[in-house]
Amino acid sequence: MFRAHAPPSLVDGNFKYQVGSTLRSIHTIKDNYYTTLYNIAIFVAIITALAIYIYVQLKNRIPPEELEEKRREYILNRIHTYHTEHLEKAHAAKNTIVPEWNYGVG
């Protein structure tokens, strides 16, 4: 009847099982709670980063009037540069042509 080699137990086996089962369920609930909080925090961080990015993009946006003015200045500058280069080439070509000799003058 009495086992000499078994240590005495102060707690019933059913009670140990109930406590272990309760602790496992509490651990699962805690993990779910932390996972939900983590997911919400990541979602808020991504939405905040996206909102900041959109705000900065809209803030640094060039107004259409200023954009049209820059475009106009660029086109006029290109026309002026082309015209200047064309005149320089024409002047250089004119200088390389053998001059006409005026016979009988002088």
Protein backbone atom coordinates (compact mmCIF):
# COMPACT_ATOMS: atom_id res chain seq x y z
CA MET A 1 0.00 0.00 0.00
CA PHE A 2 2.46 2.52 1.05
CA ARG A 3 5.23 3.15 -1.44
CA ALA A 4 8.53 3.81 0.19
CA HIS A 5 10.30 5.18 -2.85
CA ALA A 6 7.65 7.78 -3.89
CA PRO A 7 8.16 11.25 -2.40
CA PRO A 8 5.27 12.61 -0.45
CA SER A 9 3.06 15.04 -2.38
CA LEU A 10 1.44 18.03 -0.72
CA VAL A 11 -0.62 18.90 -3.81
CA ASP A 12 -3.21 16.73 -5.51
CA GLY A 13 -2.48 15.66 -9.13
CA ASN A 14 -5.79 17.06 -10.40
CA PHE A 15 -4.97 20.43 -8.87
CA LYS A 16 -1.57 20.49 -10.62
CA TYR A 17 -3.27 19.71 -13.91
CA GLN A 18 -5.86 22.51 -13.40
CA VAL A 19 -3.16 25.06 -12.53
CA GLY A 20 -1.01 24.03 -15.50
CA SER A 21 -3.95 24.21 -17.86
CA THR A 22 -4.94 27.63 -16.53
CA LEU A 23 -1.38 28.95 -16.85
CA ARG A 24 -1.17 27.71 -20.47
CA SER A 25 -4.44 29.42 -21.36
CA ILE A 26 -3.31 32.64 -19.66
CA HIS A 27 -0.03 32.48 -21.62
CA THR A 28 -1.96 32.06 -24.89
CA ILE A 29 -4.21 35.02 -24.05
CA LYS A 30 -1.16 37.12 -23.15
CA ASP A 31 0.58 36.22 -26.43
CA ASN A 32 -2.56 37.14 -28.41
CA TYR A 33 -2.78 40.44 -26.53
CA TYR A 34 0.87 41.31 -27.22
CA THR A 35 0.56 40.29 -30.87
CA THR A 36 -2.51 42.49 -31.30
CA LEU A 37 -0.78 45.46 -29.66
CA TYR A 38 2.32 44.92 -31.81
CA ASN A 39 0.25 44.78 -35.01
CA ILE A 40 -1.64 47.94 -34.08
CA ALA A 41 1.62 49.76 -33.28
CA ILE A 42 3.18 48.73 -36.62
CA PHE A 43 0.03 49.77 -38.49
CA VAL A 44 0.01 53.19 -36.81
CA ALA A 45 3.73 53.63 -37.55
CA ILE A 46 3.26 52.80 -41.25
CA ILE A 47 0.24 55.10 -41.57
CA THR A 48 2.15 57.90 -39.82
CA ALA A 49 5.19 57.48 -42.08
CA LEU A 50 2.95 57.46 -45.16
CA ALA A 51 1.11 60.59 -44.00
CA ILE A 52 4.40 62.41 -43.35
CA TYR A 53 5.71 61.41 -46.79
CA ILE A 54 2.55 62.65 -48.53
CA TYR A 55 2.59 65.89 -46.52
CA VAL A 56 6.22 66.60 -47.45
CA GLN A 57 5.53 65.82 -51.12
CA LEU A 58 2.56 68.18 -51.21
CA LYS A 59 4.40 70.89 -49.29
CA ASN A 60 7.39 70.84 -51.68
CA ARG A 61 5.21 70.80 -54.76
CA ILE A 62 5.92 73.56 -57.29
CA PRO A 63 2.84 75.63 -58.19
CA PRO A 64 1.71 75.29 -61.82
CA GLU A 65 2.35 79.00 -62.53
CA GLU A 66 5.94 78.76 -61.31
CA LEU A 67 6.44 75.53 -63.22
CA GLU A 68 5.17 77.16 -66.43
CA GLU A 69 7.46 80.16 -65.84
CA LYS A 70 10.50 77.88 -65.38
CA ARG A 71 9.53 75.97 -68.52
CA ARG A 72 9.22 79.23 -70.48
CA GLU A 73 12.60 80.45 -69.18
CA TYR A 74 14.22 77.14 -70.12
CA ILE A 75 12.82 77.26 -73.66
CA LEU A 76 13.86 80.88 -74.15
CA ASN A 77 17.33 80.09 -72.80
CA ARG A 78 17.66 77.16 -75.22
CA ILE A 79 16.54 79.37 -78.14
CA HIS A 80 19.02 82.08 -77.12
CA THR A 81 21.82 79.51 -76.79
CA TYR A 82 21.01 78.00 -80.18
CA HIS A 83 20.85 81.43 -81.79
CA THR A 84 24.17 82.45 -80.24
CA GLU A 85 25.86 79.22 -81.34
CA HIS A 86 24.42 79.61 -84.84
CA LEU A 87 25.76 83.18 -85.09
CA GLU A 88 29.17 82.07 -83.81
CA LYS A 89 29.31 79.26 -86.37
CA ALA A 90 28.26 81.65 -89.14
CA HIS A 91 30.88 84.17 -88.02
CA ALA A 92 33.55 81.44 -87.84
CA ALA A 93 32.57 80.19 -91.28
CA LYS A 94 32.69 83.73 -92.64
CA ASN A 95 36.18 84.22 -91.22
CA THR A 96 37.50 81.03 -92.77
CA ILE A 97 36.36 81.86 -96.27
CA VAL A 98 39.17 83.21 -98.48
CA PRO A 99 38.59 86.93 -98.76
CA GLU A 100 37.72 88.42 -102.11
CA TRP A 101 40.52 90.37 -103.75
CA ASN A 102 39.61 93.68 -105.18
CA TYR A 103 41.74 93.97 -108.30
CA GLY A 104 42.28 97.35 -109.76
CA VAL A 105 41.43 99.29 -106.65
CA GLY A 106 43.86 101.64 -105.31
